[in-house]
Amino acid sequence: MMQEDLIEFPCDYPVKAMGYTSDGFEDHVLKLVSKHAELTEPKKVTSRASSGGKYTSITVSVKARSREHLELVYAQLKEDDKIVYIL
């Protein structure tokens, strides 16, 4: 079975982005994700600071329509200079 067969679309899918802790980082991530994906309702967003507080991870659940759709969302995050790491 190929990896593509493991996810059935459409589905709610968690997207995680990490960056340096700053005011407005969560809003920034939500704005980037919202350019290509609809957030789930009710909105599922969690944020967590690293143990040293230098980084913050934001996880947001989106309505993913296809693998290509998710790739668009991740490409948008990858291009942004405030995003250090994506999962």
PDB file of N, CA and C in Angstrom:
ATOM      1  N   MET A   1       0.846  -1.191   0.000  1.00  0.00           N
ATOM      2  CA  MET A   1       0.000   0.000   0.000  1.00  0.00           C
ATOM      3  C   MET A   1       0.885   1.246   0.000  1.00  0.00           C
ATOM      4  N   MET A   2       0.619   2.152  -0.877  1.00  0.00           N
ATOM      5  CA  MET A   2       1.386   3.397  -0.935  1.00  0.00           C
ATOM      6  C   MET A   2       0.892   4.353   0.133  1.00  0.00           C
ATOM      7  N   GLN A   3       1.768   5.256   0.528  1.00  0.00           N
ATOM      8  CA  GLN A   3       1.437   6.212   1.580  1.00  0.00           C
ATOM      9  C   GLN A   3       0.197   7.023   1.232  1.00  0.00           C
ATOM     10  N   GLU A   4      -0.004   7.353  -0.037  1.00  0.00           N
ATOM     11  CA  GLU A   4      -1.154   8.152  -0.443  1.00  0.00           C
ATOM     12  C   GLU A   4      -2.472   7.485  -0.080  1.00  0.00           C
ATOM     13  N   ASP A   5      -2.465   6.163   0.044  1.00  0.00           N
ATOM     14  CA  ASP A   5      -3.680   5.433   0.361  1.00  0.00           C
ATOM     15  C   ASP A   5      -4.040   5.508   1.847  1.00  0.00           C
ATOM     16  N   LEU A   6      -3.162   6.036   2.672  1.00  0.00           N
ATOM     17  CA  LEU A   6      -3.384   6.057   4.115  1.00  0.00           C
ATOM     18  C   LEU A   6      -4.336   7.169   4.561  1.00  0.00           C
ATOM     19  N   ILE A   7      -4.484   8.204   3.767  1.00  0.00           N
ATOM     20  CA  ILE A   7      -5.364   9.322   4.115  1.00  0.00           C
ATOM     21  C   ILE A   7      -6.533   9.337   3.148  1.00  0.00           C
ATOM     22  N   GLU A   8      -7.731   9.382   3.706  1.00  0.00           N
ATOM     23  CA  GLU A   8      -8.932   9.489   2.872  1.00  0.00           C
ATOM     24  C   GLU A   8      -9.386  10.942   2.852  1.00  0.00           C
ATOM     25  N   PHE A   9      -9.492  11.482   1.660  1.00  0.00           N
ATOM     26  CA  PHE A   9      -9.914  12.871   1.493  1.00  0.00           C
ATOM     27  C   PHE A   9     -11.368  12.906   1.058  1.00  0.00           C
ATOM     28  N   PRO A  10     -12.099  13.954   1.405  1.00  0.00           N
ATOM     29  CA  PRO A  10     -11.709  15.071   2.259  1.00  0.00           C
ATOM     30  C   PRO A  10     -11.648  14.645   3.727  1.00  0.00           C
ATOM     31  N   CYS A  11     -10.868  15.387   4.505  1.00  0.00           N
ATOM     32  CA  CYS A  11     -10.733  15.080   5.932  1.00  0.00           C
ATOM     33  C   CYS A  11     -10.259  16.316   6.686  1.00  0.00           C
ATOM     34  N   ASP A  12     -10.386  16.261   8.012  1.00  0.00           N
ATOM     35  CA  ASP A  12      -9.786  17.282   8.869  1.00  0.00           C
ATOM     36  C   ASP A  12      -8.343  16.846   9.083  1.00  0.00           C
ATOM     37  N   TYR A  13      -7.399  17.755   8.860  1.00  0.00           N
ATOM     38  CA  TYR A  13      -5.987  17.399   8.903  1.00  0.00           C
ATOM     39  C   TYR A  13      -5.219  18.427   9.720  1.00  0.00           C
ATOM     40  N   PRO A  14      -4.408  17.978  10.698  1.00  0.00           N
ATOM     41  CA  PRO A  14      -3.629  18.924  11.505  1.00  0.00           C
ATOM     42  C   PRO A  14      -2.358  19.362  10.783  1.00  0.00           C
ATOM     43  N   VAL A  15      -2.161  20.660  10.683  1.00  0.00           N
ATOM     44  CA  VAL A  15      -0.965  21.243  10.084  1.00  0.00           C
ATOM     45  C   VAL A  15      -0.194  21.918  11.206  1.00  0.00           C
ATOM     46  N   LYS A  16       1.111  21.624  11.303  1.00  0.00           N
ATOM     47  CA  LYS A  16       1.916  22.196  12.386  1.00  0.00           C
ATOM     48  C   LYS A  16       3.057  23.014  11.796  1.00  0.00           C
ATOM     49  N   ALA A  17       3.214  24.228  12.328  1.00  0.00           N
ATOM     50  CA  ALA A  17       4.309  25.111  11.929  1.00  0.00           C
ATOM     51  C   ALA A  17       5.010  25.610  13.183  1.00  0.00           C
ATOM     52  N   MET A  18       6.332  25.686  13.101  1.00  0.00           N
ATOM     53  CA  MET A  18       7.121  26.182  14.230  1.00  0.00           C
ATOM     54  C   MET A  18       7.908  27.407  13.794  1.00  0.00           C
ATOM     55  N   GLY A  19       8.058  28.336  14.735  1.00  0.00           N
ATOM     56  CA  GLY A  19       8.840  29.538  14.462  1.00  0.00           C
ATOM     57  C   GLY A  19       9.305  30.152  15.763  1.00  0.00           C
ATOM     58  N   TYR A  20      10.064  31.233  15.642  1.00  0.00           N
ATOM     59  CA  TYR A  20      10.535  31.931  16.829  1.00  0.00           C
ATOM     60  C   TYR A  20       9.344  32.569  17.543  1.00  0.00           C
ATOM     61  N   THR A  21       9.329  32.457  18.855  1.00  0.00           N
ATOM     62  CA  THR A  21       8.245  33.015  19.658  1.00  0.00           C
ATOM     63  C   THR A  21       8.201  34.535  19.480  1.00  0.00           C
ATOM     64  N   SER A  22       7.029  35.038  19.130  1.00  0.00           N
ATOM     65  CA  SER A  22       6.833  36.479  18.985  1.00  0.00           C
ATOM     66  C   SER A  22       5.342  36.782  19.088  1.00  0.00           C
ATOM     67  N   ASP A  23       5.031  38.037  19.404  1.00  0.00           N
ATOM     68  CA  ASP A  23       3.631  38.455  19.418  1.00  0.00           C
ATOM     69  C   ASP A  23       3.072  38.318  18.008  1.00  0.00           C
ATOM     70  N   GLY A  24       1.907  37.736  17.897  1.00  0.00           N
ATOM     71  CA  GLY A  24       1.261  37.635  16.606  1.00  0.00           C
ATOM     72  C   GLY A  24       1.672  36.442  15.764  1.00  0.00           C
ATOM     73  N   PHE A  25       2.551  35.556  16.275  1.00  0.00           N
ATOM     74  CA  PHE A  25       2.980  34.415  15.470  1.00  0.00           C
ATOM     75  C   PHE A  25       1.806  33.494  15.144  1.00  0.00           C
ATOM     76  N   GLU A  26       0.940  33.238  16.123  1.00  0.00           N
ATOM     77  CA  GLU A  26      -0.225  32.378  15.874  1.00  0.00           C
ATOM     78  C   GLU A  26      -1.113  32.978  14.785  1.00  0.00           C
ATOM     79  N   ASP A  27      -1.397  34.256  14.878  1.00  0.00           N
ATOM     80  CA  ASP A  27      -2.218  34.922  13.857  1.00  0.00           C
ATOM     81  C   ASP A  27      -1.550  34.864  12.489  1.00  0.00           C
ATOM     82  N   HIS A  28      -0.236  34.986  12.470  1.00  0.00           N
ATOM     83  CA  HIS A  28       0.507  34.925  11.215  1.00  0.00           C
ATOM     84  C   HIS A  28       0.345  33.548  10.560  1.00  0.00           C
ATOM     85  N   VAL A  29       0.495  32.494  11.353  1.00  0.00           N
ATOM     86  CA  VAL A  29       0.342  31.133  10.830  1.00  0.00           C
ATOM     87  C   VAL A  29      -1.086  30.920  10.324  1.00  0.00           C
ATOM     88  N   LEU A  30      -2.075  31.355  11.091  1.00  0.00           N
ATOM     89  CA  LEU A  30      -3.473  31.206  10.672  1.00  0.00           C
ATOM     90  C   LEU A  30      -3.743  31.935   9.354  1.00  0.00           C
ATOM     91  N   LYS A  31      -3.170  33.110   9.198  1.00  0.00           N
ATOM     92  CA  LYS A  31      -3.348  33.878   7.962  1.00  0.00           C
ATOM     93  C   LYS A  31      -2.744  33.119   6.775  1.00  0.00           C
ATOM     94  N   LEU A  32      -1.547  32.561   6.954  1.00  0.00           N
ATOM     95  CA  LEU A  32      -0.903  31.812   5.873  1.00  0.00           C
ATOM     96  C   LEU A  32      -1.710  30.580   5.490  1.00  0.00           C
ATOM     97  N   VAL A  33      -2.139  29.821   6.494  1.00  0.00           N
ATOM     98  CA  VAL A  33      -2.893  28.593   6.240  1.00  0.00           C
ATOM     99  C   VAL A  33      -4.228  28.918   5.579  1.00  0.00           C
ATOM    100  N   SER A  34      -4.867  29.982   6.011  1.00  0.00           N
ATOM    101  CA  SER A  34      -6.189  30.360   5.500  1.00  0.00           C
ATOM    102  C   SER A  34      -6.165  30.816   4.041  1.00  0.00           C
ATOM    103  N   LYS A  35      -4.987  31.128   3.519  1.00  0.00           N
ATOM    104  CA  LYS A  35      -4.904  31.520   2.104  1.00  0.00           C
ATOM    105  C   LYS A  35      -5.306  30.371   1.192  1.00  0.00           C
ATOM    106  N   HIS A  36      -5.070  29.135   1.629  1.00  0.00           N
ATOM    107  CA  HIS A  36      -5.342  27.978   0.773  1.00  0.00           C
ATOM    108  C   HIS A  36      -6.308  26.967   1.374  1.00  0.00           C
ATOM    109  N   ALA A  37      -6.595  27.075   2.671  1.00  0.00           N
ATOM    110  CA  ALA A  37      -7.422  26.053   3.307  1.00  0.00           C
ATOM    111  C   ALA A  37      -8.442  26.671   4.241  1.00  0.00           C
ATOM    112  N   GLU A  38      -9.574  26.017   4.309  1.00  0.00           N
ATOM    113  CA  GLU A  38     -10.626  26.408   5.245  1.00  0.00           C
ATOM    114  C   GLU A  38     -10.315  25.766   6.596  1.00  0.00           C
ATOM    115  N   LEU A  39     -10.395  26.551   7.663  1.00  0.00           N
ATOM    116  CA  LEU A  39     -10.175  26.007   8.999  1.00  0.00           C
ATOM    117  C   LEU A  39     -11.396  25.177   9.392  1.00  0.00           C
ATOM    118  N   THR A  40     -11.177  24.169  10.211  1.00  0.00           N
ATOM    119  CA  THR A  40     -12.294  23.345  10.655  1.00  0.00           C
ATOM    120  C   THR A  40     -13.198  24.161  11.573  1.00  0.00           C
ATOM    121  N   GLU A  41     -14.428  23.770  11.640  1.00  0.00           N
ATOM    122  CA  GLU A  41     -15.391  24.379  12.576  1.00  0.00           C
ATOM    123  C   GLU A  41     -15.877  23.303  13.517  1.00  0.00           C
ATOM    124  N   PRO A  42     -15.780  23.457  14.812  1.00  0.00           N
ATOM    125  CA  PRO A  42     -15.181  24.619  15.458  1.00  0.00           C
ATOM    126  C   PRO A  42     -13.682  24.669  15.197  1.00  0.00           C
ATOM    127  N   LYS A  43     -13.145  25.884  15.239  1.00  0.00           N
ATOM    128  CA  LYS A  43     -11.738  26.082  14.948  1.00  0.00           C
ATOM    129  C   LYS A  43     -10.881  25.355  15.984  1.00  0.00           C
ATOM    130  N   LYS A  44      -9.953  24.535  15.486  1.00  0.00           N
ATOM    131  CA  LYS A  44      -9.051  23.796  16.358  1.00  0.00           C
ATOM    132  C   LYS A  44      -7.640  24.328  16.155  1.00  0.00           C
ATOM    133  N   VAL A  45      -7.182  25.129  17.123  1.00  0.00           N
ATOM    134  CA  VAL A  45      -5.847  25.706  17.059  1.00  0.00           C
ATOM    135  C   VAL A  45      -5.195  25.532  18.424  1.00  0.00           C
ATOM    136  N   THR A  46      -3.975  25.002  18.429  1.00  0.00           N
ATOM    137  CA  THR A  46      -3.229  24.899  19.681  1.00  0.00           C
ATOM    138  C   THR A  46      -1.855  25.505  19.464  1.00  0.00           C
ATOM    139  N   SER A  47      -1.320  26.089  20.514  1.00  0.00           N
ATOM    140  CA  SER A  47       0.042  26.611  20.451  1.00  0.00           C
ATOM    141  C   SER A  47       0.796  26.132  21.677  1.00  0.00           C
ATOM    142  N   ARG A  48       2.083  25.935  21.479  1.00  0.00           N
ATOM    143  CA  ARG A  48       2.910  25.430  22.566  1.00  0.00           C
ATOM    144  C   ARG A  48       4.310  26.009  22.429  1.00  0.00           C
ATOM    145  N   ALA A  49       4.819  26.546  23.519  1.00  0.00           N
ATOM    146  CA  ALA A  49       6.178  27.088  23.530  1.00  0.00           C
ATOM    147  C   ALA A  49       7.166  25.970  23.818  1.00  0.00           C
ATOM    148  N   SER A  50       8.358  26.109  23.269  1.00  0.00           N
ATOM    149  CA  SER A  50       9.414  25.134  23.554  1.00  0.00           C
ATOM    150  C   SER A  50       9.838  25.271  25.011  1.00  0.00           C
ATOM    151  N   SER A  51      10.589  24.309  25.500  1.00  0.00           N
ATOM    152  CA  SER A  51      10.986  24.326  26.913  1.00  0.00           C
ATOM    153  C   SER A  51      11.775  25.583  27.267  1.00  0.00           C
ATOM    154  N   GLY A  52      12.568  26.103  26.346  1.00  0.00           N
ATOM    155  CA  GLY A  52      13.318  27.325  26.599  1.00  0.00           C
ATOM    156  C   GLY A  52      12.581  28.589  26.220  1.00  0.00           C
ATOM    157  N   GLY A  53      11.420  28.430  25.571  1.00  0.00           N
ATOM    158  CA  GLY A  53      10.610  29.575  25.188  1.00  0.00           C
ATOM    159  C   GLY A  53      11.045  30.265  23.910  1.00  0.00           C
ATOM    160  N   LYS A  54      12.091  29.774  23.261  1.00  0.00           N
ATOM    161  CA  LYS A  54      12.599  30.427  22.048  1.00  0.00           C
ATOM    162  C   LYS A  54      11.677  30.187  20.847  1.00  0.00           C
ATOM    163  N   TYR A  55      11.060  29.001  20.794  1.00  0.00           N
ATOM    164  CA  TYR A  55      10.213  28.628  19.671  1.00  0.00           C
ATOM    165  C   TYR A  55       8.775  28.397  20.122  1.00  0.00           C
ATOM    166  N   THR A  56       7.851  28.574  19.200  1.00  0.00           N
ATOM    167  CA  THR A  56       6.453  28.257  19.436  1.00  0.00           C
ATOM    168  C   THR A  56       5.970  27.397  18.279  1.00  0.00           C
ATOM    169  N   SER A  57       5.212  26.347  18.613  1.00  0.00           N
ATOM    170  CA  SER A  57       4.599  25.528  17.565  1.00  0.00           C
ATOM    171  C   SER A  57       3.102  25.806  17.563  1.00  0.00           C
ATOM    172  N   ILE A  58       2.562  25.939  16.378  1.00  0.00           N
ATOM    173  CA  ILE A  58       1.137  26.175  16.182  1.00  0.00           C
ATOM    174  C   ILE A  58       0.595  25.002  15.386  1.00  0.00           C
ATOM    175  N   THR A  59      -0.446  24.370  15.895  1.00  0.00           N
ATOM    176  CA  THR A  59      -1.126  23.306  15.159  1.00  0.00           C
ATOM    177  C   THR A  59      -2.535  23.780  14.871  1.00  0.00           C
ATOM    178  N   VAL A  60      -2.907  23.706  13.598  1.00  0.00           N
ATOM    179  CA  VAL A  60      -4.242  24.139  13.179  1.00  0.00           C
ATOM    180  C   VAL A  60      -4.857  23.042  12.321  1.00  0.00           C
ATOM    181  N   SER A  61      -6.111  22.751  12.580  1.00  0.00           N
ATOM    182  CA  SER A  61      -6.820  21.720  11.828  1.00  0.00           C
ATOM    183  C   SER A  61      -7.521  22.372  10.636  1.00  0.00           C
ATOM    184  N   VAL A  62      -7.290  21.792   9.454  1.00  0.00           N
ATOM    185  CA  VAL A  62      -7.883  22.325   8.222  1.00  0.00           C
ATOM    186  C   VAL A  62      -8.722  21.256   7.536  1.00  0.00           C
ATOM    187  N   LYS A  63      -9.609  21.701   6.672  1.00  0.00           N
ATOM    188  CA  LYS A  63     -10.393  20.777   5.843  1.00  0.00           C
ATOM    189  C   LYS A  63      -9.590  20.520   4.569  1.00  0.00           C
ATOM    190  N   ALA A  64      -8.942  19.370   4.521  1.00  0.00           N
ATOM    191  CA  ALA A  64      -8.101  19.013   3.373  1.00  0.00           C
ATOM    192  C   ALA A  64      -8.935  18.310   2.317  1.00  0.00           C
ATOM    193  N   ARG A  65      -8.873  18.805   1.098  1.00  0.00           N
ATOM    194  CA  ARG A  65      -9.648  18.231  -0.003  1.00  0.00           C
ATOM    195  C   ARG A  65      -8.892  17.144  -0.749  1.00  0.00           C
ATOM    196  N   SER A  66      -7.546  17.258  -0.781  1.00  0.00           N
ATOM    197  CA  SER A  66      -6.731  16.293  -1.522  1.00  0.00           C
ATOM    198  C   SER A  66      -5.272  16.435  -1.087  1.00  0.00           C
ATOM    199  N   ARG A  67      -4.451  15.496  -1.527  1.00  0.00           N
ATOM    200  CA  ARG A  67      -3.017  15.573  -1.240  1.00  0.00           C
ATOM    201  C   ARG A  67      -2.434  16.849  -1.857  1.00  0.00           C
ATOM    202  N   GLU A  68      -2.861  17.185  -3.065  1.00  0.00           N
ATOM    203  CA  GLU A  68      -2.375  18.383  -3.740  1.00  0.00           C
ATOM    204  C   GLU A  68      -2.763  19.635  -2.951  1.00  0.00           C
ATOM    205  N   HIS A  69      -3.954  19.619  -2.395  1.00  0.00           N
ATOM    206  CA  HIS A  69      -4.417  20.739  -1.573  1.00  0.00           C
ATOM    207  C   HIS A  69      -3.506  20.931  -0.368  1.00  0.00           C
ATOM    208  N   LEU A  70      -3.162  19.841   0.313  1.00  0.00           N
ATOM    209  CA  LEU A  70      -2.245  19.926   1.456  1.00  0.00           C
ATOM    210  C   LEU A  70      -0.868  20.424   1.019  1.00  0.00           C
ATOM    211  N   GLU A  71      -0.418  19.991  -0.143  1.00  0.00           N
ATOM    212  CA  GLU A  71       0.880  20.439  -0.645  1.00  0.00           C
ATOM    213  C   GLU A  71       0.898  21.948  -0.867  1.00  0.00           C
ATOM    214  N   LEU A  72      -0.217  22.522  -1.308  1.00  0.00           N
ATOM    215  CA  LEU A  72      -0.323  23.981  -1.457  1.00  0.00           C
ATOM    216  C   LEU A  72      -0.184  24.687  -0.109  1.00  0.00           C
ATOM    217  N   VAL A  73      -0.857  24.143   0.905  1.00  0.00           N
ATOM    218  CA  VAL A  73      -0.795  24.731   2.247  1.00  0.00           C
ATOM    219  C   VAL A  73       0.640  24.689   2.762  1.00  0.00           C
ATOM    220  N   TYR A  74       1.284  23.534   2.644  1.00  0.00           N
ATOM    221  CA  TYR A  74       2.667  23.398   3.127  1.00  0.00           C
ATOM    222  C   TYR A  74       3.644  24.256   2.327  1.00  0.00           C
ATOM    223  N   ALA A  75       3.417  24.399   1.023  1.00  0.00           N
ATOM    224  CA  ALA A  75       4.278  25.257   0.206  1.00  0.00           C
ATOM    225  C   ALA A  75       4.180  26.709   0.679  1.00  0.00           C
ATOM    226  N   GLN A  76       2.972  27.149   1.012  1.00  0.00           N
ATOM    227  CA  GLN A  76       2.773  28.514   1.512  1.00  0.00           C
ATOM    228  C   GLN A  76       3.559  28.729   2.805  1.00  0.00           C
ATOM    229  N   LEU A  77       3.515  27.746   3.699  1.00  0.00           N
ATOM    230  CA  LEU A  77       4.253  27.852   4.964  1.00  0.00           C
ATOM    231  C   LEU A  77       5.762  27.820   4.733  1.00  0.00           C
ATOM    232  N   LYS A  78       6.195  26.938   3.850  1.00  0.00           N
ATOM    233  CA  LYS A  78       7.623  26.759   3.597  1.00  0.00           C
ATOM    234  C   LYS A  78       8.270  28.030   3.037  1.00  0.00           C
ATOM    235  N   GLU A  79       7.523  28.795   2.258  1.00  0.00           N
ATOM    236  CA  GLU A  79       8.045  30.015   1.642  1.00  0.00           C
ATOM    237  C   GLU A  79       8.204  31.167   2.630  1.00  0.00           C
ATOM    238  N   ASP A  80       7.567  31.087   3.774  1.00  0.00           N
ATOM    239  CA  ASP A  80       7.545  32.209   4.713  1.00  0.00           C
ATOM    240  C   ASP A  80       8.790  32.212   5.598  1.00  0.00           C
ATOM    241  N   ASP A  81       9.414  33.381   5.749  1.00  0.00           N
ATOM    242  CA  ASP A  81      10.654  33.463   6.523  1.00  0.00           C
ATOM    243  C   ASP A  81      10.452  33.402   8.041  1.00  0.00           C
ATOM    244  N   LYS A  82       9.216  33.531   8.513  1.00  0.00           N
ATOM    245  CA  LYS A  82       8.972  33.411   9.956  1.00  0.00           C
ATOM    246  C   LYS A  82       8.779  31.951  10.393  1.00  0.00           C
ATOM    247  N   ILE A  83       8.589  31.071   9.422  1.00  0.00           N
ATOM    248  CA  ILE A  83       8.399  29.661   9.717  1.00  0.00           C
ATOM    249  C   ILE A  83       9.754  28.975   9.677  1.00  0.00           C
ATOM    250  N   VAL A  84      10.104  28.301  10.778  1.00  0.00           N
ATOM    251  CA  VAL A  84      11.396  27.620  10.874  1.00  0.00           C
ATOM    252  C   VAL A  84      11.274  26.150  10.485  1.00  0.00           C
ATOM    253  N   TYR A  85      10.137  25.531  10.811  1.00  0.00           N
ATOM    254  CA  TYR A  85       9.968  24.099  10.612  1.00  0.00           C
ATOM    255  C   TYR A  85       8.490  23.802  10.424  1.00  0.00           C
ATOM    256  N   ILE A  86       8.170  22.836   9.550  1.00  0.00           N
ATOM    257  CA  ILE A  86       6.783  22.429   9.362  1.00  0.00           C
ATOM    258  C   ILE A  86       6.671  20.912   9.480  1.00  0.00           C
ATOM    259  N   LEU A  87       5.535  20.461   9.967  1.00  0.00           N
ATOM    260  CA  LEU A  87       5.248  19.025  10.078  1.00  0.00           C
ATOM    261  C   LEU A  87       3.920  18.740   9.430  1.00  0.00           C
TER     262      LEU A  87
END
